[in-house]
Full PDB file with SEQRES, HELIX, SHEET, SSBOND, CRYST1, ORIGX, SCALE, CONECT and MASTER records, all heavy atoms in Angstrom:
SEQRES   1 A   37  SER ILE SER SER VAL ASN SER MET GLY TRP TYR ARG GLN          
SEQRES   2 A   37  GLY SER GLY ARG GLU ARG ASP LEU VAL ALA SER ILE ARG          
SEQRES   3 A   37  THR GLY GLY ASP THR ALA TYR GLY ASP PHE VAL                  
SHEET    1 AA1 3 SER A   7  GLN A  13  0                                        
SHEET    2 AA1 3 ARG A  19  ARG A  26 -1                                        
SHEET    3 AA1 3 THR A  31  TYR A  33 -1                                        
CRYST1    1.000    1.000    1.000  90.00  90.00  90.00 P 1           1          
ORIGX1      1.000000  0.000000  0.000000        0.00000                         
ORIGX2      0.000000  1.000000  0.000000        0.00000                         
ORIGX3      0.000000  0.000000  1.000000        0.00000                         
SCALE1      1.000000  0.000000  0.000000        0.00000                         
SCALE2      0.000000  1.000000  0.000000        0.00000                         
SCALE3      0.000000  0.000000  1.000000        0.00000                         
ATOM      1  N   SER A   1     -11.359 -13.594 -25.986  1.00  0.00           N  
ATOM      2  CA  SER A   1     -12.791 -13.783 -25.587  1.00  0.00           C  
ATOM      3  C   SER A   1     -12.924 -13.756 -24.158  1.00  0.00           C  
ATOM      4  O   SER A   1     -12.706 -14.782 -23.421  1.00  0.00           O  
ATOM      5  CB  SER A   1     -13.297 -15.088 -26.222  1.00  0.00           C  
ATOM      6  OG  SER A   1     -14.683 -15.311 -25.923  1.00  0.00           O  
ATOM      7  N   ILE A   2     -13.223 -12.566 -23.565  1.00  0.00           N  
ATOM      8  CA  ILE A   2     -13.262 -12.282 -22.135  1.00  0.00           C  
ATOM      9  C   ILE A   2     -14.677 -12.014 -21.691  1.00  0.00           C  
ATOM     10  O   ILE A   2     -15.304 -11.066 -22.234  1.00  0.00           O  
ATOM     11  CB  ILE A   2     -12.312 -11.124 -21.789  1.00  0.00           C  
ATOM     12  CG1 ILE A   2     -10.867 -11.533 -22.257  1.00  0.00           C  
ATOM     13  CG2 ILE A   2     -12.289 -10.924 -20.277  1.00  0.00           C  
ATOM     14  CD1 ILE A   2      -9.889 -10.401 -22.042  1.00  0.00           C  
ATOM     15  N   SER A   3     -15.108 -12.652 -20.620  1.00  0.00           N  
ATOM     16  CA  SER A   3     -16.434 -12.432 -20.091  1.00  0.00           C  
ATOM     17  C   SER A   3     -16.453 -11.000 -19.486  1.00  0.00           C  
ATOM     18  O   SER A   3     -15.439 -10.433 -18.951  1.00  0.00           O  
ATOM     19  CB  SER A   3     -16.765 -13.452 -19.006  1.00  0.00           C  
ATOM     20  OG  SER A   3     -17.937 -13.106 -18.344  1.00  0.00           O  
ATOM     21  N   SER A   4     -17.620 -10.427 -19.458  1.00  0.00           N  
ATOM     22  CA  SER A   4     -17.842  -9.126 -18.853  1.00  0.00           C  
ATOM     23  C   SER A   4     -17.865  -9.206 -17.305  1.00  0.00           C  
ATOM     24  O   SER A   4     -17.776  -8.173 -16.649  1.00  0.00           O  
ATOM     25  CB  SER A   4     -19.178  -8.439 -19.323  1.00  0.00           C  
ATOM     26  OG  SER A   4     -20.312  -9.287 -18.952  1.00  0.00           O  
ATOM     27  N   VAL A   5     -17.986 -10.421 -16.761  1.00  0.00           N  
ATOM     28  CA  VAL A   5     -17.826 -10.620 -15.318  1.00  0.00           C  
ATOM     29  C   VAL A   5     -16.605 -11.485 -15.104  1.00  0.00           C  
ATOM     30  O   VAL A   5     -16.500 -12.611 -15.367  1.00  0.00           O  
ATOM     31  CB  VAL A   5     -19.080 -11.378 -14.805  1.00  0.00           C  
ATOM     32  CG1 VAL A   5     -18.992 -11.645 -13.334  1.00  0.00           C  
ATOM     33  CG2 VAL A   5     -20.365 -10.693 -15.154  1.00  0.00           C  
ATOM     34  N   ASN A   6     -15.592 -10.811 -14.512  1.00  0.00           N  
ATOM     35  CA  ASN A   6     -14.312 -11.431 -14.282  1.00  0.00           C  
ATOM     36  C   ASN A   6     -13.612 -10.718 -13.182  1.00  0.00           C  
ATOM     37  O   ASN A   6     -13.937  -9.733 -12.683  1.00  0.00           O  
ATOM     38  CB  ASN A   6     -13.482 -11.450 -15.584  1.00  0.00           C  
ATOM     39  CG  ASN A   6     -13.096 -10.124 -16.049  1.00  0.00           C  
ATOM     40  OD1 ASN A   6     -12.158  -9.473 -15.434  1.00  0.00           O  
ATOM     41  ND2 ASN A   6     -13.651  -9.560 -17.135  1.00  0.00           N  
ATOM     42  N   SER A   7     -12.484 -11.376 -12.807  1.00  0.00           N  
ATOM     43  CA  SER A   7     -11.568 -10.840 -11.824  1.00  0.00           C  
ATOM     44  C   SER A   7     -10.164 -10.949 -12.341  1.00  0.00           C  
ATOM     45  O   SER A   7      -9.849 -11.992 -13.104  1.00  0.00           O  
ATOM     46  CB  SER A   7     -11.669 -11.582 -10.509  1.00  0.00           C  
ATOM     47  OG  SER A   7     -10.609 -11.123  -9.599  1.00  0.00           O  
ATOM     48  N   MET A   8      -9.275  -9.963 -12.192  1.00  0.00           N  
ATOM     49  CA  MET A   8      -7.898 -10.022 -12.564  1.00  0.00           C  
ATOM     50  C   MET A   8      -7.025  -9.696 -11.386  1.00  0.00           C  
ATOM     51  O   MET A   8      -7.459  -8.920 -10.604  1.00  0.00           O  
ATOM     52  CB  MET A   8      -7.633  -9.038 -13.716  1.00  0.00           C  
ATOM     53  CG  MET A   8      -8.340  -9.313 -14.970  1.00  0.00           C  
ATOM     54  SD  MET A   8      -7.926  -8.150 -16.373  1.00  0.00           S  
ATOM     55  CE  MET A   8      -6.248  -8.558 -16.622  1.00  0.00           C  
ATOM     56  N   GLY A   9      -5.878 -10.346 -11.289  1.00  0.00           N  
ATOM     57  CA  GLY A   9      -5.096 -10.078 -10.155  1.00  0.00           C  
ATOM     58  C   GLY A   9      -3.608 -10.448 -10.342  1.00  0.00           C  
ATOM     59  O   GLY A   9      -3.260 -11.048 -11.397  1.00  0.00           O  
ATOM     60  N   TRP A  10      -2.835 -10.087  -9.351  1.00  0.00           N  
ATOM     61  CA  TRP A  10      -1.395 -10.353  -9.390  1.00  0.00           C  
ATOM     62  C   TRP A  10      -1.111 -11.369  -8.216  1.00  0.00           C  
ATOM     63  O   TRP A  10      -1.536 -11.226  -7.162  1.00  0.00           O  
ATOM     64  CB  TRP A  10      -0.582  -9.058  -9.077  1.00  0.00           C  
ATOM     65  CG  TRP A  10      -0.689  -8.084 -10.267  1.00  0.00           C  
ATOM     66  CD1 TRP A  10      -1.523  -6.984 -10.274  1.00  0.00           C  
ATOM     67  CD2 TRP A  10       0.112  -8.044 -11.402  1.00  0.00           C  
ATOM     68  NE1 TRP A  10      -1.330  -6.373 -11.433  1.00  0.00           N  
ATOM     69  CE2 TRP A  10      -0.331  -6.972 -12.175  1.00  0.00           C  
ATOM     70  CE3 TRP A  10       1.090  -8.898 -11.889  1.00  0.00           C  
ATOM     71  CZ2 TRP A  10       0.257  -6.628 -13.431  1.00  0.00           C  
ATOM     72  CZ3 TRP A  10       1.642  -8.606 -13.110  1.00  0.00           C  
ATOM     73  CH2 TRP A  10       1.238  -7.446 -13.871  1.00  0.00           C  
ATOM     74  N   TYR A  11      -0.207 -12.343  -8.578  1.00  0.00           N  
ATOM     75  CA  TYR A  11       0.246 -13.338  -7.668  1.00  0.00           C  
ATOM     76  C   TYR A  11       1.777 -13.463  -7.773  1.00  0.00           C  
ATOM     77  O   TYR A  11       2.333 -13.535  -8.803  1.00  0.00           O  
ATOM     78  CB  TYR A  11      -0.440 -14.705  -8.039  1.00  0.00           C  
ATOM     79  CG  TYR A  11      -1.881 -14.666  -7.891  1.00  0.00           C  
ATOM     80  CD1 TYR A  11      -2.776 -14.101  -8.858  1.00  0.00           C  
ATOM     81  CD2 TYR A  11      -2.507 -15.181  -6.709  1.00  0.00           C  
ATOM     82  CE1 TYR A  11      -4.122 -14.058  -8.666  1.00  0.00           C  
ATOM     83  CE2 TYR A  11      -3.917 -15.071  -6.601  1.00  0.00           C  
ATOM     84  CZ  TYR A  11      -4.656 -14.568  -7.507  1.00  0.00           C  
ATOM     85  OH  TYR A  11      -6.039 -14.465  -7.416  1.00  0.00           O  
ATOM     86  N   ARG A  12       2.351 -13.426  -6.579  1.00  0.00           N  
ATOM     87  CA  ARG A  12       3.812 -13.543  -6.467  1.00  0.00           C  
ATOM     88  C   ARG A  12       4.291 -14.999  -6.344  1.00  0.00           C  
ATOM     89  O   ARG A  12       3.785 -15.697  -5.419  1.00  0.00           O  
ATOM     90  CB  ARG A  12       4.317 -12.697  -5.362  1.00  0.00           C  
ATOM     91  CG  ARG A  12       5.874 -12.655  -5.247  1.00  0.00           C  
ATOM     92  CD  ARG A  12       6.261 -12.060  -3.899  1.00  0.00           C  
ATOM     93  NE  ARG A  12       5.880 -12.738  -2.768  1.00  0.00           N  
ATOM     94  CZ  ARG A  12       5.933 -12.341  -1.528  1.00  0.00           C  
ATOM     95  NH1 ARG A  12       6.348 -11.110  -1.220  1.00  0.00           N  
ATOM     96  NH2 ARG A  12       5.480 -13.102  -0.520  1.00  0.00           N  
ATOM     97  N   GLN A  13       5.230 -15.406  -7.170  1.00  0.00           N  
ATOM     98  CA  GLN A  13       5.893 -16.691  -7.040  1.00  0.00           C  
ATOM     99  C   GLN A  13       7.359 -16.464  -6.527  1.00  0.00           C  
ATOM    100  O   GLN A  13       8.131 -15.887  -7.206  1.00  0.00           O  
ATOM    101  CB  GLN A  13       5.907 -17.473  -8.267  1.00  0.00           C  
ATOM    102  CG  GLN A  13       6.501 -18.836  -8.221  1.00  0.00           C  
ATOM    103  CD  GLN A  13       6.400 -19.652  -9.466  1.00  0.00           C  
ATOM    104  OE1 GLN A  13       5.886 -19.132 -10.484  1.00  0.00           O  
ATOM    105  NE2 GLN A  13       6.866 -20.878  -9.525  1.00  0.00           N  
ATOM    106  N   GLY A  14       7.611 -16.829  -5.284  1.00  0.00           N  
ATOM    107  CA  GLY A  14       8.895 -16.715  -4.730  1.00  0.00           C  
ATOM    108  C   GLY A  14       9.866 -17.795  -5.027  1.00  0.00           C  
ATOM    109  O   GLY A  14       9.914 -18.297  -6.122  1.00  0.00           O  
ATOM    110  N   SER A  15      10.582 -18.210  -4.048  1.00  0.00           N  
ATOM    111  CA  SER A  15      11.562 -19.326  -4.258  1.00  0.00           C  
ATOM    112  C   SER A  15      10.853 -20.608  -4.522  1.00  0.00           C  
ATOM    113  O   SER A  15      11.381 -21.457  -5.257  1.00  0.00           O  
ATOM    114  CB  SER A  15      12.463 -19.505  -2.983  1.00  0.00           C  
ATOM    115  OG  SER A  15      13.219 -18.270  -2.818  1.00  0.00           O  
ATOM    116  N   GLY A  16       9.683 -20.889  -3.894  1.00  0.00           N  
ATOM    117  CA  GLY A  16       8.986 -22.082  -4.142  1.00  0.00           C  
ATOM    118  C   GLY A  16       8.037 -21.983  -5.357  1.00  0.00           C  
ATOM    119  O   GLY A  16       8.143 -21.111  -6.116  1.00  0.00           O  
ATOM    120  N   ARG A  17       7.198 -23.038  -5.470  1.00  0.00           N  
ATOM    121  CA  ARG A  17       6.282 -23.146  -6.583  1.00  0.00           C  
ATOM    122  C   ARG A  17       4.950 -22.469  -6.390  1.00  0.00           C  
ATOM    123  O   ARG A  17       4.255 -22.184  -7.309  1.00  0.00           O  
ATOM    124  CB  ARG A  17       6.037 -24.589  -6.971  1.00  0.00           C  
ATOM    125  CG  ARG A  17       7.321 -25.381  -7.385  1.00  0.00           C  
ATOM    126  CD  ARG A  17       7.603 -25.077  -8.897  1.00  0.00           C  
ATOM    127  NE  ARG A  17       8.850 -25.795  -9.292  1.00  0.00           N  
ATOM    128  CZ  ARG A  17       8.859 -26.975  -9.859  1.00  0.00           C  
ATOM    129  NH1 ARG A  17       7.740 -27.660  -9.897  1.00  0.00           N  
ATOM    130  NH2 ARG A  17      10.003 -27.454 -10.168  1.00  0.00           N  
ATOM    131  N   GLU A  18       4.632 -22.156  -5.032  1.00  0.00           N  
ATOM    132  CA  GLU A  18       3.376 -21.627  -4.789  1.00  0.00           C  
ATOM    133  C   GLU A  18       3.316 -20.136  -5.259  1.00  0.00           C  
ATOM    134  O   GLU A  18       4.288 -19.468  -5.313  1.00  0.00           O  
ATOM    135  CB  GLU A  18       3.062 -21.691  -3.286  1.00  0.00           C  
ATOM    136  CG  GLU A  18       3.750 -20.698  -2.416  1.00  0.00           C  
ATOM    137  CD  GLU A  18       5.176 -21.069  -2.060  1.00  0.00           C  
ATOM    138  OE1 GLU A  18       5.608 -22.199  -2.578  1.00  0.00           O  
ATOM    139  OE2 GLU A  18       5.805 -20.399  -1.318  1.00  0.00           O  
ATOM    140  N   ARG A  19       2.113 -19.678  -5.530  1.00  0.00           N  
ATOM    141  CA  ARG A  19       1.854 -18.347  -5.916  1.00  0.00           C  
ATOM    142  C   ARG A  19       0.860 -17.669  -4.891  1.00  0.00           C  
ATOM    143  O   ARG A  19      -0.241 -18.209  -4.772  1.00  0.00           O  
ATOM    144  CB  ARG A  19       1.206 -18.282  -7.289  1.00  0.00           C  
ATOM    145  CG  ARG A  19       2.136 -18.886  -8.386  1.00  0.00           C  
ATOM    146  CD  ARG A  19       1.578 -18.867  -9.752  1.00  0.00           C  
ATOM    147  NE  ARG A  19       2.489 -19.455 -10.719  1.00  0.00           N  
ATOM    148  CZ  ARG A  19       2.210 -19.612 -12.028  1.00  0.00           C  
ATOM    149  NH1 ARG A  19       1.080 -19.187 -12.467  1.00  0.00           N  
ATOM    150  NH2 ARG A  19       3.109 -20.206 -12.799  1.00  0.00           N  
ATOM    151  N   ASP A  20       1.280 -16.612  -4.270  1.00  0.00           N  
ATOM    152  CA  ASP A  20       0.538 -15.923  -3.235  1.00  0.00           C  
ATOM    153  C   ASP A  20      -0.177 -14.707  -3.804  1.00  0.00           C  
ATOM    154  O   ASP A  20       0.428 -13.974  -4.629  1.00  0.00           O  
ATOM    155  CB  ASP A  20       1.456 -15.536  -2.147  1.00  0.00           C  
ATOM    156  CG  ASP A  20       2.119 -16.744  -1.455  1.00  0.00           C  
ATOM    157  OD1 ASP A  20       1.448 -17.727  -1.270  1.00  0.00           O  
ATOM    158  OD2 ASP A  20       3.314 -16.568  -1.004  1.00  0.00           O  
ATOM    159  N   LEU A  21      -1.378 -14.473  -3.365  1.00  0.00           N  
ATOM    160  CA  LEU A  21      -2.108 -13.340  -3.810  1.00  0.00           C  
ATOM    161  C   LEU A  21      -1.383 -12.020  -3.427  1.00  0.00           C  
ATOM    162  O   LEU A  21      -1.029 -11.796  -2.260  1.00  0.00           O  
ATOM    163  CB  LEU A  21      -3.509 -13.272  -3.125  1.00  0.00           C  
ATOM    164  CG  LEU A  21      -4.321 -12.018  -3.334  1.00  0.00           C  
ATOM    165  CD1 LEU A  21      -4.728 -11.870  -4.857  1.00  0.00           C  
ATOM    166  CD2 LEU A  21      -5.573 -11.991  -2.439  1.00  0.00           C  
ATOM    167  N   VAL A  22      -1.236 -11.142  -4.360  1.00  0.00           N  
ATOM    168  CA  VAL A  22      -0.746  -9.796  -4.109  1.00  0.00           C  
ATOM    169  C   VAL A  22      -1.868  -8.853  -4.080  1.00  0.00           C  
ATOM    170  O   VAL A  22      -2.119  -8.136  -3.118  1.00  0.00           O  
ATOM    171  CB  VAL A  22       0.235  -9.378  -5.180  1.00  0.00           C  
ATOM    172  CG1 VAL A  22       0.758  -7.942  -4.886  1.00  0.00           C  
ATOM    173  CG2 VAL A  22       1.462 -10.329  -5.260  1.00  0.00           C  
ATOM    174  N   ALA A  23      -2.639  -8.854  -5.178  1.00  0.00           N  
ATOM    175  CA  ALA A  23      -3.823  -7.969  -5.252  1.00  0.00           C  
ATOM    176  C   ALA A  23      -4.738  -8.470  -6.323  1.00  0.00           C  
ATOM    177  O   ALA A  23      -4.235  -8.996  -7.370  1.00  0.00           O  
ATOM    178  CB  ALA A  23      -3.427  -6.507  -5.557  1.00  0.00           C  
ATOM    179  N   SER A  24      -6.015  -8.276  -6.262  1.00  0.00           N  
ATOM    180  CA  SER A  24      -6.974  -8.692  -7.235  1.00  0.00           C  
ATOM    181  C   SER A  24      -8.108  -7.583  -7.308  1.00  0.00           C  
ATOM    182  O   SER A  24      -8.335  -6.896  -6.356  1.00  0.00           O  
ATOM    183  CB  SER A  24      -7.601 -10.070  -7.067  1.00  0.00           C  
ATOM    184  OG  SER A  24      -8.366 -10.110  -5.891  1.00  0.00           O  
ATOM    185  N   ILE A  25      -8.760  -7.561  -8.476  1.00  0.00           N  
ATOM    186  CA  ILE A  25      -9.801  -6.532  -8.679  1.00  0.00           C  
ATOM    187  C   ILE A  25     -10.870  -7.150  -9.632  1.00  0.00           C  
ATOM    188  O   ILE A  25     -10.545  -7.675 -10.682  1.00  0.00           O  
ATOM    189  CB  ILE A  25      -9.226  -5.196  -9.238  1.00  0.00           C  
ATOM    190  CG1 ILE A  25     -10.282  -4.177  -9.328  1.00  0.00           C  
ATOM    191  CG2 ILE A  25      -8.480  -5.424 -10.532  1.00  0.00           C  
ATOM    192  CD1 ILE A  25      -9.816  -2.796  -9.556  1.00  0.00           C  
ATOM    193  N   ARG A  26     -12.107  -7.019  -9.245  1.00  0.00           N  
ATOM    194  CA  ARG A  26     -13.196  -7.502 -10.166  1.00  0.00           C  
ATOM    195  C   ARG A  26     -13.693  -6.380 -11.041  1.00  0.00           C  
ATOM    196  O   ARG A  26     -13.331  -5.243 -10.845  1.00  0.00           O  
ATOM    197  CB  ARG A  26     -14.375  -8.036  -9.243  1.00  0.00           C  
ATOM    198  CG  ARG A  26     -14.060  -9.201  -8.358  1.00  0.00           C  
ATOM    199  CD  ARG A  26     -15.218  -9.689  -7.654  1.00  0.00           C  
ATOM    200  NE  ARG A  26     -16.316 -10.077  -8.592  1.00  0.00           N  
ATOM    201  CZ  ARG A  26     -17.416 -10.866  -8.203  1.00  0.00           C  
ATOM    202  NH1 ARG A  26     -17.520 -11.164  -6.945  1.00  0.00           N  
ATOM    203  NH2 ARG A  26     -18.351 -11.171  -9.116  1.00  0.00           N  
ATOM    204  N   THR A  27     -14.477  -6.830 -12.069  1.00  0.00           N  
ATOM    205  CA  THR A  27     -15.017  -5.870 -12.968  1.00  0.00           C  
ATOM    206  C   THR A  27     -15.890  -4.877 -12.237  1.00  0.00           C  
ATOM    207  O   THR A  27     -16.120  -3.740 -12.630  1.00  0.00           O  
ATOM    208  CB  THR A  27     -15.792  -6.585 -14.090  1.00  0.00           C  
ATOM    209  OG1 THR A  27     -16.718  -7.541 -13.569  1.00  0.00           O  
ATOM    210  CG2 THR A  27     -14.871  -7.216 -15.126  1.00  0.00           C  
ATOM    211  N   GLY A  28     -16.509  -5.339 -11.113  1.00  0.00           N  
ATOM    212  CA  GLY A  28     -17.346  -4.453 -10.336  1.00  0.00           C  
ATOM    213  C   GLY A  28     -16.580  -3.472  -9.506  1.00  0.00           C  
ATOM    214  O   GLY A  28     -17.175  -2.578  -8.876  1.00  0.00           O  
ATOM    215  N   GLY A  29     -15.237  -3.592  -9.417  1.00  0.00           N  
ATOM    216  CA  GLY A  29     -14.418  -2.696  -8.672  1.00  0.00           C  
ATOM    217  C   GLY A  29     -13.947  -3.144  -7.338  1.00  0.00           C  
ATOM    218  O   GLY A  29     -13.026  -2.540  -6.783  1.00  0.00           O  
ATOM    219  N   ASP A  30     -14.493  -4.259  -6.852  1.00  0.00           N  
ATOM    220  CA  ASP A  30     -13.990  -4.794  -5.558  1.00  0.00           C  
ATOM    221  C   ASP A  30     -12.578  -5.257  -5.586  1.00  0.00           C  
ATOM    222  O   ASP A  30     -12.131  -5.871  -6.560  1.00  0.00           O  
ATOM    223  CB  ASP A  30     -14.928  -6.023  -5.086  1.00  0.00           C  
ATOM    224  CG  ASP A  30     -16.318  -5.601  -4.818  1.00  0.00           C  
ATOM    225  OD1 ASP A  30     -16.621  -4.396  -4.467  1.00  0.00           O  
ATOM    226  OD2 ASP A  30     -17.182  -6.454  -4.909  1.00  0.00           O  
ATOM    227  N   THR A  31     -11.797  -4.960  -4.558  1.00  0.00           N  
ATOM    228  CA  THR A  31     -10.397  -5.328  -4.592  1.00  0.00           C  
ATOM    229  C   THR A  31     -10.085  -6.158  -3.319  1.00  0.00           C  
ATOM    230  O   THR A  31     -10.756  -6.100  -2.299  1.00  0.00           O  
ATOM    231  CB  THR A  31      -9.478  -4.054  -4.509  1.00  0.00           C  
ATOM    232  OG1 THR A  31      -9.786  -3.284  -3.351  1.00  0.00           O  
ATOM    233  CG2 THR A  31      -9.737  -3.272  -5.750  1.00  0.00           C  
ATOM    234  N   ALA A  32      -8.972  -6.848  -3.383  1.00  0.00           N  
ATOM    235  CA  ALA A  32      -8.398  -7.650  -2.277  1.00  0.00           C  
ATOM    236  C   ALA A  32      -6.961  -7.645  -2.346  1.00  0.00           C  
ATOM    237  O   ALA A  32      -6.320  -7.596  -3.458  1.00  0.00           O  
ATOM    238  CB  ALA A  32      -8.943  -9.093  -2.333  1.00  0.00           C  
ATOM    239  N   TYR A  33      -6.275  -7.653  -1.201  1.00  0.00           N  
ATOM    240  CA  TYR A  33      -4.858  -7.617  -1.100  1.00  0.00           C  
ATOM    241  C   TYR A  33      -4.288  -8.646  -0.171  1.00  0.00           C  
ATOM    242  O   TYR A  33      -4.924  -9.038   0.791  1.00  0.00           O  
ATOM    243  CB  TYR A  33      -4.383  -6.243  -0.543  1.00  0.00           C  
ATOM    244  CG  TYR A  33      -4.608  -5.069  -1.477  1.00  0.00           C  
ATOM    245  CD1 TYR A  33      -5.808  -4.374  -1.380  1.00  0.00           C  
ATOM    246  CD2 TYR A  33      -3.665  -4.701  -2.492  1.00  0.00           C  
ATOM    247  CE1 TYR A  33      -6.054  -3.279  -2.307  1.00  0.00           C  
ATOM    248  CE2 TYR A  33      -3.877  -3.638  -3.329  1.00  0.00           C  
ATOM    249  CZ  TYR A  33      -5.140  -2.914  -3.211  1.00  0.00           C  
ATOM    250  OH  TYR A  33      -5.322  -1.882  -4.104  1.00  0.00           O  
ATOM    251  N   GLY A  34      -3.110  -9.214  -0.536  1.00  0.00           N  
ATOM    252  CA  GLY A  34      -2.461 -10.095   0.343  1.00  0.00           C  
ATOM    253  C   GLY A  34      -1.948  -9.440   1.575  1.00  0.00           C  
ATOM    254  O   GLY A  34      -1.672  -8.205   1.614  1.00  0.00           O  
ATOM    255  N   ASP A  35      -1.876 -10.154   2.747  1.00  0.00           N  
ATOM    256  CA  ASP A  35      -1.476  -9.579   3.979  1.00  0.00           C  
ATOM    257  C   ASP A  35      -0.077  -8.944   3.976  1.00  0.00           C  
ATOM    258  O   ASP A  35       0.103  -7.914   4.635  1.00  0.00           O  
ATOM    259  CB  ASP A  35      -1.503 -10.673   5.093  1.00  0.00           C  
ATOM    260  CG  ASP A  35      -2.892 -11.061   5.440  1.00  0.00           C  
ATOM    261  OD1 ASP A  35      -3.887 -10.362   5.200  1.00  0.00           O  
ATOM    262  OD2 ASP A  35      -3.031 -12.201   5.994  1.00  0.00           O  
ATOM    263  N   PHE A  36       0.805  -9.475   3.217  1.00  0.00           N  
ATOM    264  CA  PHE A  36       2.185  -8.917   3.165  1.00  0.00           C  
ATOM    265  C   PHE A  36       2.259  -7.540   2.487  1.00  0.00           C  
ATOM    266  O   PHE A  36       3.277  -6.801   2.667  1.00  0.00           O  
ATOM    267  CB  PHE A  36       3.136  -9.855   2.444  1.00  0.00           C  
ATOM    268  CG  PHE A  36       3.112  -9.886   0.977  1.00  0.00           C  
ATOM    269  CD1 PHE A  36       3.927  -9.074   0.264  1.00  0.00           C  
ATOM    270  CD2 PHE A  36       2.138 -10.594   0.279  1.00  0.00           C  
ATOM    271  CE1 PHE A  36       3.846  -9.073  -1.130  1.00  0.00           C  
ATOM    272  CE2 PHE A  36       2.024 -10.650  -1.104  1.00  0.00           C  
ATOM    273  CZ  PHE A  36       2.881  -9.796  -1.834  1.00  0.00           C  
ATOM    274  N   VAL A  37       1.212  -7.156   1.727  1.00  0.00           N  
ATOM    275  CA  VAL A  37       1.272  -5.877   1.057  1.00  0.00           C  
ATOM    276  C   VAL A  37       1.299  -4.700   2.041  1.00  0.00           C  
ATOM    277  O   VAL A  37       2.025  -3.727   1.810  1.00  0.00           O  
ATOM    278  CB  VAL A  37       0.020  -5.756   0.159  1.00  0.00           C  
ATOM    279  CG1 VAL A  37      -0.065  -4.307  -0.399  1.00  0.00           C  
ATOM    280  CG2 VAL A  37       0.111  -6.711  -0.940  1.00  0.00           C  
TER     281      VAL A  37                                                      
MASTER        0    0    0    0    3    0    0    6  280    1    0    3          
END                                                                             
């Protein structure tokens, strides 16, 4: 059951517990990337 308005993305978990943004994309097509990319 997925809303028609959503965002999906990738997050990297390295040695620690935190998860850093890699890339994301909304249903409208807008994208965002982490600085390390």
